[in-house]
Amino acid sequence: LAGRARAIGERLTGRLTSMTERFPQIGEVRGRGAMIAAELVTDRETKEPAAALAGAVNKACHERGLVTLTCGTLGNVFRFLPPLTITDELLDEGLDVFEEAFAASV
């Protein structure tokens, strides 16, 4: 299970990090194992939290059938914590939906 957690984390981190090139509103991707977070900001320099954007992305995900969780003191962080039994295909499908919802919300 520890190995699977690492593999999921690497897949999540890689995909979310690649999204930072397309979406400057993703200020930081961090985490350990299968628990990864993506912090949304209005500006990467000032790191001003983008709570409204997180709410819009969260809503867009839910409308597309993907359950997402925002967290953080200001509600501007997405927490990813998939089950360790998730298939790579299902994880990729969820990330596709997340990316689509993000693109529709910015």
N, C-alpha and C. Protein backbone atom coordinates (compact mmCIF):
# COMPACT_ATOMS: atom_id res chain seq x y z
N LEU A 1 0.82 -1.21 0.00
CA LEU A 1 0.00 0.00 0.00
C LEU A 1 0.85 1.27 0.00
N ALA A 2 1.98 1.21 0.70
CA ALA A 2 2.85 2.39 0.72
C ALA A 2 3.38 2.69 -0.69
N GLY A 3 3.73 1.66 -1.42
CA GLY A 3 4.18 1.85 -2.79
C GLY A 3 3.09 2.40 -3.68
N ARG A 4 1.88 1.92 -3.49
CA ARG A 4 0.75 2.43 -4.29
C ARG A 4 0.48 3.88 -3.94
N ALA A 5 0.59 4.25 -2.68
CA ALA A 5 0.40 5.64 -2.27
C ALA A 5 1.43 6.53 -2.96
N ARG A 6 2.67 6.09 -3.02
CA ARG A 6 3.71 6.86 -3.71
C ARG A 6 3.40 7.00 -5.20
N ALA A 7 2.97 5.90 -5.81
CA ALA A 7 2.66 5.93 -7.25
C ALA A 7 1.50 6.89 -7.55
N ILE A 8 0.47 6.84 -6.72
CA ILE A 8 -0.66 7.76 -6.89
C ILE A 8 -0.19 9.20 -6.71
N GLY A 9 0.61 9.44 -5.68
CA GLY A 9 1.13 10.78 -5.43
C GLY A 9 1.94 11.31 -6.59
N GLU A 10 2.77 10.46 -7.16
CA GLU A 10 3.58 10.89 -8.31
C GLU A 10 2.70 11.22 -9.50
N ARG A 11 1.68 10.41 -9.71
CA ARG A 11 0.76 10.65 -10.84
C ARG A 11 -0.01 11.96 -10.63
N LEU A 12 -0.54 12.15 -9.42
CA LEU A 12 -1.27 13.39 -9.11
C LEU A 12 -0.36 14.61 -9.22
N THR A 13 0.80 14.54 -8.59
CA THR A 13 1.72 15.67 -8.59
C THR A 13 2.16 16.03 -10.01
N GLY A 14 2.47 15.01 -10.79
CA GLY A 14 2.88 15.27 -12.17
C GLY A 14 1.80 15.95 -12.98
N ARG A 15 0.59 15.45 -12.85
CA ARG A 15 -0.51 16.03 -13.62
C ARG A 15 -0.84 17.45 -13.16
N LEU A 16 -0.91 17.65 -11.85
CA LEU A 16 -1.23 18.99 -11.34
C LEU A 16 -0.11 19.98 -11.62
N THR A 17 1.13 19.53 -11.53
CA THR A 17 2.26 20.41 -11.83
C THR A 17 2.22 20.83 -13.29
N SER A 18 1.87 19.90 -14.17
CA SER A 18 1.78 20.27 -15.59
C SER A 18 0.64 21.27 -15.81
N MET A 19 -0.40 21.19 -15.00
CA MET A 19 -1.50 22.16 -15.11
C MET A 19 -1.06 23.56 -14.72
N THR A 20 -0.01 23.69 -13.88
CA THR A 20 0.44 25.02 -13.47
C THR A 20 0.97 25.82 -14.66
N GLU A 21 1.44 25.13 -15.69
CA GLU A 21 1.91 25.82 -16.89
C GLU A 21 0.75 26.48 -17.63
N ARG A 22 -0.39 25.84 -17.60
CA ARG A 22 -1.57 26.35 -18.30
C ARG A 22 -2.39 27.31 -17.44
N PHE A 23 -2.37 27.06 -16.13
CA PHE A 23 -3.20 27.85 -15.22
C PHE A 23 -2.33 28.51 -14.15
N PRO A 24 -2.02 29.79 -14.30
CA PRO A 24 -1.20 30.48 -13.29
C PRO A 24 -1.90 30.63 -11.95
N GLN A 25 -3.19 30.29 -11.89
CA GLN A 25 -3.93 30.37 -10.63
C GLN A 25 -3.59 29.22 -9.69
N ILE A 26 -2.89 28.22 -10.19
CA ILE A 26 -2.42 27.15 -9.30
C ILE A 26 -1.06 27.60 -8.78
N GLY A 27 -1.06 28.06 -7.55
CA GLY A 27 0.13 28.65 -6.98
C GLY A 27 1.13 27.63 -6.46
N GLU A 28 0.64 26.50 -5.96
CA GLU A 28 1.55 25.50 -5.40
C GLU A 28 0.87 24.14 -5.39
N VAL A 29 1.66 23.12 -5.68
CA VAL A 29 1.22 21.73 -5.56
C VAL A 29 2.12 21.10 -4.51
N ARG A 30 1.51 20.48 -3.49
CA ARG A 30 2.31 19.93 -2.40
C ARG A 30 1.62 18.71 -1.82
N GLY A 31 2.35 17.96 -1.05
CA GLY A 31 1.75 16.83 -0.37
C GLY A 31 2.72 15.68 -0.24
N ARG A 32 2.18 14.59 0.22
CA ARG A 32 3.00 13.41 0.45
C ARG A 32 2.16 12.17 0.17
N GLY A 33 2.75 11.23 -0.53
CA GLY A 33 2.00 10.02 -0.85
C GLY A 33 0.79 10.35 -1.70
N ALA A 34 -0.33 9.73 -1.37
CA ALA A 34 -1.55 9.93 -2.14
C ALA A 34 -2.34 11.16 -1.71
N MET A 35 -1.89 11.86 -0.67
CA MET A 35 -2.58 13.08 -0.23
C MET A 35 -1.85 14.30 -0.78
N ILE A 36 -2.43 14.88 -1.81
CA ILE A 36 -1.82 16.00 -2.52
C ILE A 36 -2.77 17.19 -2.46
N ALA A 37 -2.20 18.38 -2.41
CA ALA A 37 -3.00 19.60 -2.39
C ALA A 37 -2.56 20.54 -3.51
N ALA A 38 -3.52 21.28 -4.03
CA ALA A 38 -3.24 22.32 -5.02
C ALA A 38 -3.82 23.62 -4.48
N GLU A 39 -2.95 24.59 -4.23
CA GLU A 39 -3.38 25.87 -3.68
C GLU A 39 -3.66 26.85 -4.81
N LEU A 40 -4.84 27.47 -4.78
CA LEU A 40 -5.23 28.43 -5.81
C LEU A 40 -4.97 29.85 -5.31
N VAL A 41 -4.37 30.65 -6.19
CA VAL A 41 -4.02 32.03 -5.86
C VAL A 41 -4.44 32.95 -6.99
N THR A 42 -4.60 34.21 -6.67
CA THR A 42 -4.89 35.18 -7.72
C THR A 42 -3.59 35.67 -8.35
N ASP A 43 -2.50 35.59 -7.61
CA ASP A 43 -1.19 36.04 -8.09
C ASP A 43 -0.11 35.18 -7.43
N ARG A 44 0.75 34.59 -8.23
CA ARG A 44 1.79 33.72 -7.67
C ARG A 44 2.84 34.48 -6.86
N GLU A 45 3.04 35.73 -7.18
CA GLU A 45 4.03 36.53 -6.44
C GLU A 45 3.54 36.87 -5.04
N THR A 46 2.32 37.38 -4.96
CA THR A 46 1.78 37.78 -3.66
C THR A 46 1.15 36.61 -2.91
N LYS A 47 0.85 35.54 -3.66
CA LYS A 47 0.20 34.35 -3.10
C LYS A 47 -1.17 34.66 -2.50
N GLU A 48 -1.83 35.68 -3.03
CA GLU A 48 -3.15 36.03 -2.55
C GLU A 48 -4.12 34.87 -2.82
N PRO A 49 -4.82 34.39 -1.81
CA PRO A 49 -5.71 33.23 -1.97
C PRO A 49 -6.85 33.51 -2.95
N ALA A 50 -7.21 32.50 -3.73
CA ALA A 50 -8.30 32.62 -4.69
C ALA A 50 -9.46 31.71 -4.26
N ALA A 51 -10.08 32.08 -3.14
CA ALA A 51 -11.17 31.28 -2.59
C ALA A 51 -12.38 31.24 -3.52
N ALA A 52 -12.68 32.36 -4.15
CA ALA A 52 -13.84 32.39 -5.05
C ALA A 52 -13.63 31.46 -6.24
N LEU A 53 -12.42 31.43 -6.77
CA LEU A 53 -12.12 30.52 -7.86
C LEU A 53 -12.23 29.07 -7.40
N ALA A 54 -11.73 28.78 -6.22
CA ALA A 54 -11.83 27.42 -5.68
C ALA A 54 -13.30 27.00 -5.58
N GLY A 55 -14.14 27.92 -5.14
CA GLY A 55 -15.57 27.62 -5.05
C GLY A 55 -16.18 27.35 -6.42
N ALA A 56 -15.77 28.14 -7.41
CA ALA A 56 -16.30 27.96 -8.76
C ALA A 56 -15.83 26.63 -9.37
N VAL A 57 -14.57 26.29 -9.16
CA VAL A 57 -14.04 25.02 -9.68
C VAL A 57 -14.73 23.86 -8.96
N ASN A 58 -14.89 23.98 -7.66
CA ASN A 58 -15.56 22.95 -6.88
C ASN A 58 -16.97 22.71 -7.41
N LYS A 59 -17.70 23.77 -7.66
CA LYS A 59 -19.06 23.66 -8.18
C LYS A 59 -19.06 23.02 -9.57
N ALA A 60 -18.13 23.45 -10.42
CA ALA A 60 -18.04 22.90 -11.77
C ALA A 60 -17.70 21.40 -11.74
N CYS A 61 -16.86 21.00 -10.81
CA CYS A 61 -16.54 19.58 -10.65
C CYS A 61 -17.78 18.79 -10.25
N HIS A 62 -18.50 19.32 -9.28
CA HIS A 62 -19.70 18.63 -8.80
C HIS A 62 -20.74 18.50 -9.90
N GLU A 63 -20.87 19.55 -10.73
CA GLU A 63 -21.82 19.51 -11.85
C GLU A 63 -21.43 18.44 -12.86
N ARG A 64 -20.15 18.11 -12.93
CA ARG A 64 -19.64 17.10 -13.86
C ARG A 64 -19.54 15.71 -13.21
N GLY A 65 -20.01 15.60 -11.97
CA GLY A 65 -20.04 14.31 -11.29
C GLY A 65 -18.79 13.95 -10.53
N LEU A 66 -17.91 14.89 -10.32
CA LEU A 66 -16.67 14.63 -9.57
C LEU A 66 -16.77 15.29 -8.20
N VAL A 67 -16.67 14.49 -7.17
CA VAL A 67 -16.70 15.00 -5.81
C VAL A 67 -15.31 15.53 -5.47
N THR A 68 -15.23 16.79 -5.09
CA THR A 68 -13.96 17.40 -4.72
C THR A 68 -14.08 18.01 -3.33
N LEU A 69 -12.93 18.26 -2.73
CA LEU A 69 -12.89 18.79 -1.37
C LEU A 69 -11.97 19.99 -1.33
N THR A 70 -12.51 21.12 -0.91
CA THR A 70 -11.66 22.29 -0.69
C THR A 70 -11.31 22.33 0.79
N CYS A 71 -10.18 22.93 1.08
CA CYS A 71 -9.73 23.00 2.47
C CYS A 71 -8.86 24.23 2.63
N GLY A 72 -8.23 24.34 3.76
CA GLY A 72 -7.41 25.51 4.06
C GLY A 72 -8.22 26.53 4.82
N THR A 73 -7.54 27.36 5.54
CA THR A 73 -8.19 28.38 6.35
C THR A 73 -9.09 29.29 5.52
N LEU A 74 -8.66 29.56 4.27
CA LEU A 74 -9.42 30.46 3.42
C LEU A 74 -10.20 29.74 2.33
N GLY A 75 -10.18 28.41 2.35
CA GLY A 75 -10.95 27.63 1.39
C GLY A 75 -10.42 27.69 -0.03
N ASN A 76 -9.14 27.94 -0.20
CA ASN A 76 -8.57 28.09 -1.55
C ASN A 76 -7.66 26.92 -1.95
N VAL A 77 -7.77 25.82 -1.25
CA VAL A 77 -6.91 24.67 -1.51
C VAL A 77 -7.78 23.46 -1.84
N PHE A 78 -7.39 22.73 -2.89
CA PHE A 78 -8.04 21.46 -3.20
C PHE A 78 -7.20 20.35 -2.62
N ARG A 79 -7.85 19.44 -1.92
CA ARG A 79 -7.16 18.29 -1.34
C ARG A 79 -7.57 17.06 -2.14
N PHE A 80 -6.57 16.35 -2.62
CA PHE A 80 -6.80 15.12 -3.35
C PHE A 80 -6.35 13.96 -2.47
N LEU A 81 -7.26 13.03 -2.22
CA LEU A 81 -6.95 11.88 -1.39
C LEU A 81 -7.75 10.67 -1.91
N PRO A 82 -7.33 10.17 -3.08
CA PRO A 82 -8.07 9.04 -3.65
C PRO A 82 -7.78 7.75 -2.89
N PRO A 83 -8.68 6.78 -3.00
CA PRO A 83 -8.41 5.50 -2.35
C PRO A 83 -7.19 4.83 -2.98
N LEU A 84 -6.47 4.08 -2.20
CA LEU A 84 -5.27 3.42 -2.71
C LEU A 84 -5.60 2.32 -3.71
N THR A 85 -6.86 1.95 -3.80
CA THR A 85 -7.29 0.92 -4.74
C THR A 85 -7.75 1.50 -6.07
N ILE A 86 -7.69 2.82 -6.23
CA ILE A 86 -8.13 3.44 -7.48
C ILE A 86 -7.23 2.99 -8.63
N THR A 87 -7.84 2.77 -9.78
CA THR A 87 -7.04 2.41 -10.95
C THR A 87 -6.44 3.69 -11.54
N ASP A 88 -5.36 3.53 -12.27
CA ASP A 88 -4.75 4.69 -12.93
C ASP A 88 -5.73 5.32 -13.91
N GLU A 89 -6.51 4.49 -14.58
CA GLU A 89 -7.48 5.00 -15.56
C GLU A 89 -8.55 5.85 -14.89
N LEU A 90 -9.05 5.41 -13.75
CA LEU A 90 -10.07 6.18 -13.04
C LEU A 90 -9.48 7.47 -12.47
N LEU A 91 -8.26 7.41 -11.97
CA LEU A 91 -7.59 8.60 -11.47
C LEU A 91 -7.40 9.61 -12.60
N ASP A 92 -6.97 9.14 -13.76
CA ASP A 92 -6.81 10.03 -14.91
C ASP A 92 -8.13 10.64 -15.34
N GLU A 93 -9.19 9.84 -15.30
CA GLU A 93 -10.52 10.34 -15.65
C GLU A 93 -10.94 11.46 -14.70
N GLY A 94 -10.72 11.27 -13.41
CA GLY A 94 -11.05 12.30 -12.43
C GLY A 94 -10.22 13.57 -12.66
N LEU A 95 -8.95 13.40 -12.97
CA LEU A 95 -8.10 14.57 -13.23
C LEU A 95 -8.51 15.27 -14.52
N ASP A 96 -8.97 14.51 -15.51
CA ASP A 96 -9.50 15.12 -16.74
C ASP A 96 -10.69 16.00 -16.42
N VAL A 97 -11.59 15.50 -15.58
CA VAL A 97 -12.78 16.27 -15.19
C VAL A 97 -12.36 17.51 -14.41
N PHE A 98 -11.40 17.35 -13.49
CA PHE A 98 -10.92 18.49 -12.72
C PHE A 98 -10.33 19.55 -13.64
N GLU A 99 -9.52 19.14 -14.59
CA GLU A 99 -8.90 20.10 -15.51
C GLU A 99 -9.95 20.79 -16.38
N GLU A 100 -10.93 20.04 -16.85
CA GLU A 100 -12.01 20.62 -17.64
C GLU A 100 -12.80 21.64 -16.81
N ALA A 101 -13.12 21.30 -15.58
CA ALA A 101 -13.86 22.20 -14.69
C ALA A 101 -13.03 23.45 -14.39
N PHE A 102 -11.73 23.25 -14.21
CA PHE A 102 -10.85 24.39 -13.94
C PHE A 102 -10.84 25.34 -15.14
N ALA A 103 -10.68 24.76 -16.33
CA ALA A 103 -10.64 25.59 -17.55
C ALA A 103 -11.94 26.36 -17.73
N ALA A 104 -13.06 25.75 -17.37
CA ALA A 104 -14.36 26.41 -17.52
C ALA A 104 -14.57 27.50 -16.46
N SER A 105 -13.77 27.47 -15.40
CA SER A 105 -14.00 28.40 -14.28
C SER A 105 -13.07 29.62 -14.28
N VAL A 106 -12.01 29.57 -15.04
CA VAL A 106 -11.07 30.72 -15.04
C VAL A 106 -11.41 31.72 -16.12
